Amino acid sequence: MPVNDPLPDAAPDVEPGQSIEEHVHPTVRGGVALWTLFLGFAMLMVGNGLNLAVLGVRMVDEDFDVQVSGVVMACYFAGFLLGPVLVIRWLSGVGHIRVFASLASLASCVVLVHLVWVNPFSWSVLRFVFGFCMAGLYVVVESWLNDASTVRTRGRTLAVYMIVSMGGLGLGQLLIVTSDPNEPVLFVVASILVSMSFVPIALAATTDAPPVRVSPTMRLREFYRTAPTGLVGILFVGASHGILLGLSAVYATRAGFGPGPTAAFLALPAVGALMLQWPIGWVSDHLPRRSVIFVVAVMAAATAALLGVTPEGSPAALPMMFLLGGLTFPLYSLLLSHTLDRSAPGAAMGASGTSLRVNGVGAVLGPIIAGAIMATLGETSFFWCLVATHGLIALYVASRLVAEDAVPLSVQGPFVPVPARATDFAIRLTSRPLKVSRSRLRRPR
């Protein structure tokens, strides 16, 4: 997509039930300004990916127990789960630019504090704070993207957001080869990237505050009645992503990978997600979606099993990590799309909001449980934990295929590609008519 092709159209579209005032003064102007916003977000994701990789390697070098490492990494997802709840309230009080500047500064400082206090407790607290900050930064960026997008451009905006999110994460993990993780250089670089992300974003945004939509939620019992496959699948895919993102660097370092192979081991799942997300989504738009979910889950479990029997440190693991990432990350998007297929129009936003929270709970539990299993059974059980999570998804989907008819293809909505870690605001970029009550819409002062 050329840079000089602005994402938003010149004449804004208005969704049903949306007043035209919401697009009269967008807080991020179109064209170059929107691409500048993506540049800032890319820097943020590269810094996030680099920090994630360095911490995983350093925990092994600092002789942290594997079980402790799992807890430390789970704290990031716990902070990410809490962040949007509080940050949305702050946006209404002080505005987007101030919130972004505050959270980016805090996250940048947190990265550097890892060098000062090197112990499991302090790193757990720091990961929680960093996860909280990242969630808040996601909310601000996604809110701006929503405000700058129209009905016709939201699909393209979401696609670019997906590419920048996963691509930036993978690129950041590759940067681990540029210096020794035991030296402070990589921490400093990650901190600089997080800090500098505010510069292009501040230049892209105006002082007008976009409307803040408080996301409704759906009770778990109602969610299960509406989309049982979605609830169970999203919980276990969250655990899968928590294990993969949180413990890959720990496994690779303990398995004896060198710096280059470790970087590739960490980055290839994100590359696989970018390469296979849309082909898998296309297939799910033309076949019963639950059947596609079943096949993808089985293939992901089989790939993890092959990795489990591959000798530790073998280069053969690298292409399989590409395939594993290309299967497990789109699996979340498939399950979310299935949930939206089964949700009534008025309940779709509540279902998507609850989906994100269920996914976050799974991401917290995954590294904790997998870390304990790895400490008991050895590093290779990293892959067998992924076999278990994907296998449970496949088994449950198989039971639902027998017990309940599939959603007819004629009423199946389009596939919704969503990054592995995102907030409610990213789902609003979908082209689906996810309606939210007007009483929940408020513009901050």
Protein backbone atom coordinates (compact mmCIF):
# COMPACT_ATOMS: atom_id res chain seq x y z
CA MET A 1 0.00 0.00 0.00
CA PRO A 2 1.69 3.28 -1.05
CA VAL A 3 2.44 5.80 1.63
CA ASN A 4 0.88 8.66 -0.28
CA ASP A 5 -2.47 6.87 -0.45
CA PRO A 6 -4.37 8.20 2.57
CA LEU A 7 -6.32 5.62 4.51
CA PRO A 8 -9.33 7.81 5.36
CA ASP A 9 -11.54 9.02 2.51
CA ALA A 10 -12.03 12.72 1.97
CA ALA A 11 -15.70 12.54 2.85
CA PRO A 12 -16.30 10.74 6.10
CA ASP A 13 -18.89 8.03 6.37
CA VAL A 14 -21.20 7.71 9.33
CA GLU A 15 -22.38 4.43 10.77
CA PRO A 16 -26.04 3.85 11.54
CA GLY A 17 -26.82 5.48 14.83
CA GLN A 18 -23.65 7.61 14.76
CA SER A 19 -23.89 11.38 14.63
CA ILE A 20 -21.87 13.16 11.99
CA GLU A 21 -20.28 15.41 14.59
CA GLU A 22 -18.01 12.54 15.60
CA HIS A 23 -16.11 12.84 12.29
CA VAL A 24 -16.16 16.59 11.80
CA HIS A 25 -12.94 17.17 13.77
CA PRO A 26 -10.95 13.93 13.75
CA THR A 27 -8.09 13.92 16.23
CA VAL A 28 -5.72 12.34 13.73
CA ARG A 29 -5.75 13.89 10.30
CA GLY A 30 -5.70 11.66 7.22
CA GLY A 31 -2.87 10.80 4.86
CA VAL A 32 0.66 11.38 6.13
CA ALA A 33 -0.51 12.05 9.70
CA LEU A 34 -2.14 8.63 9.95
CA TRP A 35 1.01 6.95 8.67
CA THR A 36 2.97 8.97 11.22
CA LEU A 37 0.73 7.49 13.90
CA PHE A 38 1.57 4.02 12.62
CA LEU A 39 5.27 4.91 12.72
CA GLY A 40 5.02 5.80 16.39
CA PHE A 41 3.13 2.60 17.14
CA ALA A 42 5.74 0.59 15.24
CA MET A 43 8.51 2.04 17.42
CA LEU A 44 6.48 1.16 20.50
CA MET A 45 6.04 -2.45 19.35
CA VAL A 46 9.72 -2.86 18.43
CA GLY A 47 10.67 -1.66 21.90
CA ASN A 48 8.13 -4.02 23.44
CA GLY A 49 9.42 -6.99 21.47
CA LEU A 50 13.05 -6.24 22.30
CA ASN A 51 12.29 -5.86 26.01
CA LEU A 52 10.37 -9.15 25.99
CA ALA A 53 13.24 -11.04 24.35
CA VAL A 54 15.98 -9.57 26.55
CA LEU A 55 14.10 -10.35 29.76
CA GLY A 56 13.57 -13.98 28.76
CA VAL A 57 17.27 -14.51 28.09
CA ARG A 58 18.39 -12.56 31.16
CA MET A 59 16.17 -14.55 33.51
CA VAL A 60 18.02 -17.71 32.50
CA ASP A 61 21.41 -16.00 32.82
CA GLU A 62 20.41 -14.64 36.24
CA ASP A 63 19.52 -18.20 37.27
CA PHE A 64 15.81 -17.55 37.81
CA ASP A 65 13.87 -20.79 38.27
CA VAL A 66 11.65 -21.65 35.28
CA GLN A 67 8.56 -21.57 37.46
CA VAL A 68 9.52 -18.12 38.72
CA SER A 69 10.15 -16.99 35.13
CA GLY A 70 6.61 -18.05 34.23
CA VAL A 71 5.19 -15.94 37.06
CA VAL A 72 7.29 -12.93 36.05
CA MET A 73 6.08 -13.12 32.45
CA ALA A 74 2.46 -13.70 33.52
CA CYS A 75 2.55 -10.40 35.41
CA TYR A 76 2.77 -8.55 32.07
CA PHE A 77 -0.54 -10.06 30.97
CA ALA A 78 -2.10 -9.30 34.36
CA GLY A 79 -1.15 -5.64 33.97
CA PHE A 80 -2.43 -5.67 30.39
CA LEU A 81 -5.74 -7.06 31.61
CA LEU A 82 -6.20 -4.28 34.17
CA GLY A 83 -4.88 -1.38 32.08
CA PRO A 84 -7.83 -0.56 29.80
CA VAL A 85 -10.28 -0.42 32.71
CA LEU A 86 -8.47 2.47 34.39
CA VAL A 87 -6.99 4.20 31.35
CA ILE A 88 -10.40 4.79 29.74
CA ARG A 89 -11.39 6.72 32.87
CA TRP A 90 -8.21 8.81 32.68
CA LEU A 91 -8.87 9.67 29.04
CA SER A 92 -12.13 11.31 30.04
CA GLY A 93 -10.34 13.47 32.59
CA VAL A 94 -7.01 14.58 31.12
CA GLY A 95 -7.12 13.65 27.42
CA HIS A 96 -5.35 11.28 25.07
CA ILE A 97 -2.06 13.10 24.51
CA ARG A 98 -1.33 13.55 28.21
CA VAL A 99 -2.23 9.96 28.99
CA PHE A 100 -0.03 8.65 26.17
CA ALA A 101 2.90 10.83 27.23
CA SER A 102 2.59 9.74 30.86
CA LEU A 103 2.30 6.04 30.09
CA ALA A 104 5.12 6.08 27.51
CA SER A 105 7.43 7.85 29.98
CA LEU A 106 6.57 5.40 32.75
CA ALA A 107 7.03 2.38 30.47
CA SER A 108 10.40 3.72 29.30
CA CYS A 109 11.56 4.15 32.89
CA VAL A 110 10.34 0.68 33.84
CA VAL A 111 12.54 -0.87 31.14
CA LEU A 112 15.62 0.80 32.64
CA VAL A 113 14.75 -0.07 36.23
CA HIS A 114 15.22 -3.75 35.31
CA LEU A 115 18.94 -2.96 35.33
CA VAL A 116 18.83 -1.58 38.87
CA TRP A 117 16.78 -4.20 40.74
CA VAL A 118 17.56 -7.68 39.42
CA ASN A 119 15.41 -10.10 41.38
CA PRO A 120 12.20 -12.03 40.67
CA PHE A 121 9.94 -9.90 42.86
CA SER A 122 11.00 -6.55 41.43
CA TRP A 123 10.87 -7.86 37.87
CA SER A 124 7.35 -9.21 38.49
CA VAL A 125 6.22 -5.78 39.66
CA LEU A 126 7.97 -4.10 36.73
CA ARG A 127 6.38 -6.47 34.20
CA PHE A 128 2.96 -5.77 35.71
CA VAL A 129 3.50 -2.01 35.42
CA PHE A 130 4.87 -2.35 31.88
CA GLY A 131 1.88 -4.46 30.83
CA PHE A 132 -0.46 -1.88 32.34
CA CYS A 133 1.29 0.90 30.42
CA MET A 134 1.25 -1.02 27.14
CA ALA A 135 -2.47 -1.70 27.45
CA GLY A 136 -3.11 2.00 28.03
CA LEU A 137 -0.94 2.96 25.07
CA TYR A 138 -2.85 0.49 22.89
CA VAL A 139 -6.13 2.08 24.00
CA VAL A 140 -4.94 5.56 23.03
CA VAL A 141 -3.57 4.50 19.63
CA GLU A 142 -6.60 2.37 18.78
CA SER A 143 -8.94 5.18 19.87
CA TRP A 144 -7.18 7.59 17.52
CA LEU A 145 -7.31 5.07 14.67
CA ASN A 146 -11.04 4.58 15.21
CA ASP A 147 -11.64 8.31 15.15
CA ALA A 148 -9.60 8.79 11.96
CA SER A 149 -11.21 5.89 10.09
CA THR A 150 -14.47 5.75 8.22
CA VAL A 151 -16.74 2.82 7.43
CA ARG A 152 -14.98 2.27 4.08
CA THR A 153 -11.43 2.57 5.42
CA ARG A 154 -11.68 0.62 8.67
CA GLY A 155 -10.79 -2.70 7.03
CA ARG A 156 -7.57 -1.25 5.59
CA THR A 157 -6.74 0.50 8.86
CA LEU A 158 -7.17 -2.74 10.82
CA ALA A 159 -4.99 -4.60 8.29
CA VAL A 160 -2.17 -2.07 8.62
CA TYR A 161 -2.55 -2.09 12.40
CA MET A 162 -2.22 -5.88 12.39
CA ILE A 163 0.93 -5.74 10.25
CA VAL A 164 2.55 -3.04 12.37
CA SER A 165 1.68 -4.79 15.63
CA MET A 166 2.97 -8.27 14.79
CA GLY A 167 5.75 -7.05 12.51
CA GLY A 168 7.07 -4.63 15.12
CA LEU A 169 6.97 -7.32 17.80
CA GLY A 170 8.95 -9.72 15.60
CA LEU A 171 11.48 -7.09 14.56
CA GLY A 172 12.10 -6.13 18.17
CA GLN A 173 12.86 -9.74 19.06
CA LEU A 174 15.32 -9.98 16.16
CA LEU A 175 17.27 -7.03 17.59
CA ILE A 176 18.48 -9.23 20.43
CA VAL A 177 21.39 -10.31 18.17
CA THR A 178 22.80 -6.75 18.07
CA SER A 179 24.32 -6.86 21.56
CA ASP A 180 24.93 -9.08 24.58
CA PRO A 181 21.69 -9.38 26.62
CA ASN A 182 23.79 -9.29 29.78
CA GLU A 183 24.94 -5.76 28.95
CA PRO A 184 22.70 -2.70 29.46
CA VAL A 185 22.69 -1.71 25.77
CA LEU A 186 19.55 -3.59 24.74
CA PHE A 187 17.58 -2.31 27.72
CA VAL A 188 18.62 1.23 26.82
CA VAL A 189 17.64 0.76 23.17
CA ALA A 190 14.23 -0.64 24.17
CA SER A 191 13.70 2.31 26.52
CA ILE A 192 14.64 4.80 23.79
CA LEU A 193 12.23 3.20 21.31
CA VAL A 194 9.34 3.36 23.79
CA SER A 195 10.14 7.00 24.62
CA MET A 196 10.57 8.07 20.99
CA SER A 197 7.24 6.50 19.99
CA PHE A 198 5.53 9.55 21.48
CA VAL A 199 7.25 11.99 19.07
CA PRO A 200 5.50 10.98 15.79
CA ILE A 201 2.24 10.29 17.62
CA ALA A 202 2.24 13.75 19.21
CA LEU A 203 2.85 15.31 15.78
CA ALA A 204 0.07 13.26 14.18
CA ALA A 205 -2.64 14.03 16.74
CA THR A 206 -4.47 17.29 17.28
CA THR A 207 -5.58 18.58 20.66
CA ASP A 208 -9.20 17.55 20.04
CA ALA A 209 -10.12 14.48 22.07
CA PRO A 210 -11.87 11.60 20.28
CA PRO A 211 -15.02 10.21 21.84
CA VAL A 212 -14.49 7.59 24.52
CA ARG A 213 -16.81 4.61 24.21
CA VAL A 214 -17.14 2.60 27.39
CA SER A 215 -17.33 -1.00 26.23
CA PRO A 216 -20.25 -3.06 27.43
CA THR A 217 -19.60 -6.55 28.73
CA MET A 218 -21.49 -9.80 28.56
CA ARG A 219 -21.86 -12.07 31.57
CA LEU A 220 -19.93 -15.32 31.28
CA ARG A 221 -23.08 -17.42 31.58
CA GLU A 222 -24.71 -15.50 28.74
CA PHE A 223 -21.47 -15.66 26.76
CA TYR A 224 -21.35 -19.44 27.14
CA ARG A 225 -24.99 -19.77 26.03
CA THR A 226 -24.29 -17.57 23.02
CA ALA A 227 -20.94 -18.98 21.86
CA PRO A 228 -19.60 -21.85 23.98
CA THR A 229 -16.89 -22.61 21.42
CA GLY A 230 -15.81 -18.98 21.57
CA LEU A 231 -15.57 -18.88 25.37
CA VAL A 232 -13.66 -22.14 25.84
CA GLY A 233 -11.48 -21.67 22.76
CA ILE A 234 -10.53 -18.09 23.56
CA LEU A 235 -9.53 -19.06 27.11
CA PHE A 236 -7.17 -21.79 25.90
CA VAL A 237 -5.81 -19.80 22.98
CA GLY A 238 -5.03 -17.02 25.46
CA ALA A 239 -3.07 -19.58 27.51
CA SER A 240 -1.28 -20.68 24.33
CA HIS A 241 -0.25 -17.14 23.46
CA GLY A 242 0.84 -16.44 27.03
CA ILE A 243 3.08 -19.52 26.96
CA LEU A 244 4.48 -18.77 23.50
CA LEU A 245 5.14 -15.08 24.07
CA GLY A 246 6.22 -15.39 27.69
CA LEU A 247 8.43 -18.47 27.73
CA SER A 248 9.89 -18.86 24.23
CA ALA A 249 13.06 -16.96 25.12
CA VAL A 250 13.42 -18.93 28.35
CA TYR A 251 13.13 -22.21 26.46
CA ALA A 252 15.48 -21.19 23.63
CA THR A 253 18.19 -20.04 26.04
CA ARG A 254 17.95 -23.17 28.20
CA ALA A 255 17.92 -25.37 25.10
CA GLY A 256 21.27 -23.98 24.01
CA PHE A 257 20.31 -21.89 20.98
CA GLY A 258 22.92 -19.31 20.01
CA PRO A 259 22.07 -15.59 19.69
CA GLY A 260 21.07 -15.77 16.02
CA PRO A 261 18.91 -18.92 16.29
CA THR A 262 17.33 -17.57 19.50
CA ALA A 263 16.32 -14.36 17.71
CA ALA A 264 14.87 -16.35 14.80
CA PHE A 265 13.09 -18.75 17.21
CA LEU A 266 11.39 -15.77 18.86
CA ALA A 267 10.57 -13.75 15.74
CA LEU A 268 9.38 -16.46 13.34
CA PRO A 269 5.98 -17.02 15.04
CA ALA A 270 5.11 -13.36 14.45
CA VAL A 271 6.22 -13.65 10.82
CA GLY A 272 4.10 -16.78 10.44
CA ALA A 273 1.10 -14.93 11.85
CA LEU A 274 1.51 -12.17 9.28
CA MET A 275 1.90 -14.61 6.39
CA LEU A 276 -0.92 -17.02 7.24
CA GLN A 277 -3.53 -14.79 8.94
CA TRP A 278 -5.31 -13.73 5.75
CA PRO A 279 -5.20 -17.10 3.87
CA ILE A 280 -6.70 -18.81 6.92
CA GLY A 281 -9.25 -16.02 7.24
CA TRP A 282 -10.20 -16.37 3.56
CA VAL A 283 -10.78 -20.09 4.01
CA SER A 284 -12.94 -19.44 7.10
CA ASP A 285 -15.11 -17.05 5.09
CA HIS A 286 -15.89 -19.78 2.57
CA LEU A 287 -16.25 -22.82 4.83
CA PRO A 288 -18.05 -23.44 8.14
CA ARG A 289 -15.89 -21.50 10.60
CA ARG A 290 -15.98 -24.04 13.43
CA SER A 291 -14.61 -26.71 11.09
CA VAL A 292 -11.75 -24.40 10.16
CA ILE A 293 -11.09 -23.74 13.87
CA PHE A 294 -10.94 -27.50 14.48
CA VAL A 295 -8.47 -28.11 11.65
CA VAL A 296 -6.24 -25.19 12.63
CA ALA A 297 -6.20 -26.27 16.29
CA VAL A 298 -5.30 -29.86 15.32
CA MET A 299 -2.51 -28.63 13.02
CA ALA A 300 -1.16 -26.34 15.75
CA ALA A 301 -1.16 -29.22 18.27
CA ALA A 302 0.57 -31.49 15.74
CA THR A 303 3.21 -28.84 15.01
CA ALA A 304 3.89 -28.36 18.72
CA ALA A 305 4.17 -32.16 19.11
CA LEU A 306 6.76 -32.29 16.30
CA LEU A 307 8.70 -29.55 18.07
CA GLY A 308 8.49 -31.58 21.27
CA VAL A 309 10.29 -34.55 19.68
CA THR A 310 12.82 -32.40 17.83
CA PRO A 311 16.28 -32.42 19.49
CA GLU A 312 16.89 -29.36 21.64
CA GLY A 313 18.77 -26.64 19.78
CA SER A 314 18.07 -28.16 16.35
CA PRO A 315 17.72 -25.71 13.43
CA ALA A 316 14.76 -27.81 12.29
CA ALA A 317 12.73 -26.13 15.02
CA LEU A 318 12.83 -22.77 13.26
CA PRO A 319 10.50 -23.47 10.28
CA MET A 320 8.14 -25.27 12.64
CA MET A 321 8.02 -22.20 14.88
CA PHE A 322 7.03 -20.19 11.79
CA LEU A 323 4.19 -22.63 11.16
CA LEU A 324 3.14 -22.73 14.82
CA GLY A 325 2.85 -18.94 14.96
CA GLY A 326 1.00 -18.93 11.66
CA LEU A 327 -1.59 -21.27 13.15
CA THR A 328 -2.00 -20.20 16.77
CA PHE A 329 -2.24 -16.43 16.31
CA PRO A 330 -4.95 -16.59 13.60
CA LEU A 331 -6.79 -19.07 15.84
CA TYR A 332 -7.72 -16.21 18.18
CA SER A 333 -9.12 -14.21 15.27
CA LEU A 334 -11.08 -17.26 14.10
CA LEU A 335 -12.62 -17.77 17.54
CA LEU A 336 -13.47 -14.08 17.85
CA SER A 337 -15.09 -14.09 14.40
CA HIS A 338 -17.10 -17.18 15.37
CA THR A 339 -18.23 -15.43 18.56
CA LEU A 340 -19.41 -12.43 16.55
CA ASP A 341 -21.20 -14.77 14.12
CA ARG A 342 -23.28 -16.14 16.97
CA SER A 343 -23.91 -12.83 18.74
CA ALA A 344 -27.02 -10.74 18.22
CA PRO A 345 -26.23 -7.34 16.62
CA GLY A 346 -26.90 -5.47 19.85
CA ALA A 347 -24.76 -7.88 21.89
CA ALA A 348 -21.74 -8.14 19.59
CA MET A 349 -19.74 -5.40 21.30
CA GLY A 350 -20.36 -6.91 24.72
CA ALA A 351 -19.30 -10.34 23.47
CA SER A 352 -16.08 -8.97 21.98
CA GLY A 353 -15.24 -7.10 25.19
CA THR A 354 -15.72 -10.21 27.30
CA SER A 355 -13.70 -12.22 24.76
CA LEU A 356 -10.71 -9.97 25.35
CA ARG A 357 -10.97 -10.38 29.11
CA VAL A 358 -11.28 -14.17 28.88
CA ASN A 359 -8.28 -14.21 26.56
CA GLY A 360 -6.35 -12.11 29.08
CA VAL A 361 -7.15 -14.50 31.93
CA GLY A 362 -5.87 -17.39 29.82
CA ALA A 363 -2.69 -15.45 29.03
CA VAL A 364 -2.06 -14.95 32.75
CA LEU A 365 -2.64 -18.60 33.66
CA GLY A 366 -0.70 -20.08 30.73
CA PRO A 367 2.88 -19.06 31.67
CA ILE A 368 2.29 -19.77 35.36
CA ILE A 369 1.10 -23.34 34.75
CA ALA A 370 3.59 -24.03 31.94
CA GLY A 371 6.47 -22.66 34.00
CA ALA A 372 5.61 -25.02 36.85
CA ILE A 373 5.40 -27.98 34.45
CA MET A 374 8.71 -27.06 32.80
CA ALA A 375 10.38 -26.84 36.21
CA THR A 376 9.19 -30.37 36.99
CA LEU A 377 9.43 -32.18 33.65
CA GLY A 378 12.11 -30.24 31.79
CA GLU A 379 12.32 -27.54 29.11
CA THR A 380 10.82 -29.70 26.34
CA SER A 381 7.47 -29.69 28.15
CA PHE A 382 7.20 -26.11 26.86
CA PHE A 383 5.96 -27.62 23.61
CA TRP A 384 3.81 -30.28 25.29
CA CYS A 385 1.96 -27.52 27.14
CA LEU A 386 1.15 -26.01 23.75
CA VAL A 387 0.03 -29.45 22.53
CA ALA A 388 -2.33 -29.61 25.51
CA THR A 389 -3.87 -26.14 25.05
CA HIS A 390 -4.45 -26.56 21.31
CA GLY A 391 -5.56 -30.17 21.76
CA LEU A 392 -8.19 -29.13 24.30
CA ILE A 393 -9.51 -26.54 21.85
CA ALA A 394 -9.75 -29.20 19.13
CA LEU A 395 -11.49 -31.69 21.44
CA TYR A 396 -14.05 -29.15 22.59
CA VAL A 397 -14.77 -27.91 19.07
CA ALA A 398 -15.21 -31.51 17.93
CA SER A 399 -17.81 -32.06 20.66
CA ARG A 400 -19.68 -28.91 19.60
CA LEU A 401 -19.61 -29.96 15.94
CA VAL A 402 -21.50 -33.10 16.96
CA ALA A 403 -23.85 -31.40 19.42
CA GLU A 404 -24.87 -28.28 17.50
CA ASP A 405 -25.43 -27.19 13.91
CA ALA A 406 -22.98 -24.74 12.41
CA VAL A 407 -23.82 -21.13 11.58
CA PRO A 408 -25.03 -21.10 7.93
CA LEU A 409 -22.50 -19.68 5.50
CA SER A 410 -25.12 -17.21 4.31
CA VAL A 411 -25.15 -15.45 7.71
CA GLN A 412 -21.49 -15.91 8.57
CA GLY A 413 -19.78 -12.53 8.91
CA PRO A 414 -16.35 -11.65 7.51
CA PHE A 415 -13.16 -12.80 9.22
CA VAL A 416 -11.84 -10.29 11.78
CA PRO A 417 -8.00 -10.22 11.89
CA VAL A 418 -6.92 -9.02 15.32
CA PRO A 419 -3.38 -8.88 16.78
CA ALA A 420 -2.46 -11.30 19.55
CA ARG A 421 -2.65 -8.49 22.11
CA ALA A 422 -5.19 -5.74 21.48
CA THR A 423 -8.04 -3.94 23.24
CA ASP A 424 -11.73 -3.39 22.55
CA PHE A 425 -10.90 -0.40 20.39
CA ALA A 426 -9.12 -2.57 17.81
CA ILE A 427 -12.23 -4.71 17.38
CA ARG A 428 -14.24 -1.56 16.66
CA LEU A 429 -12.11 -1.15 13.54
CA THR A 430 -13.82 -4.20 12.08
CA SER A 431 -16.14 -3.55 9.16
CA ARG A 432 -18.89 -5.41 11.03
CA PRO A 433 -21.72 -3.24 12.41
CA LEU A 434 -20.85 -3.65 16.10
CA LYS A 435 -23.36 -1.25 17.63
CA VAL A 436 -22.90 0.28 21.04
CA SER A 437 -25.50 2.13 23.04
CA ARG A 438 -25.42 5.88 22.53
CA SER A 439 -25.70 6.31 26.29
CA ARG A 440 -22.21 4.81 26.54
CA LEU A 441 -20.69 7.39 24.23
CA ARG A 442 -19.12 10.40 25.84
CA ARG A 443 -16.62 12.95 24.67
CA PRO A 444 -14.03 13.90 27.30
CA ARG A 445 -13.77 17.50 28.35
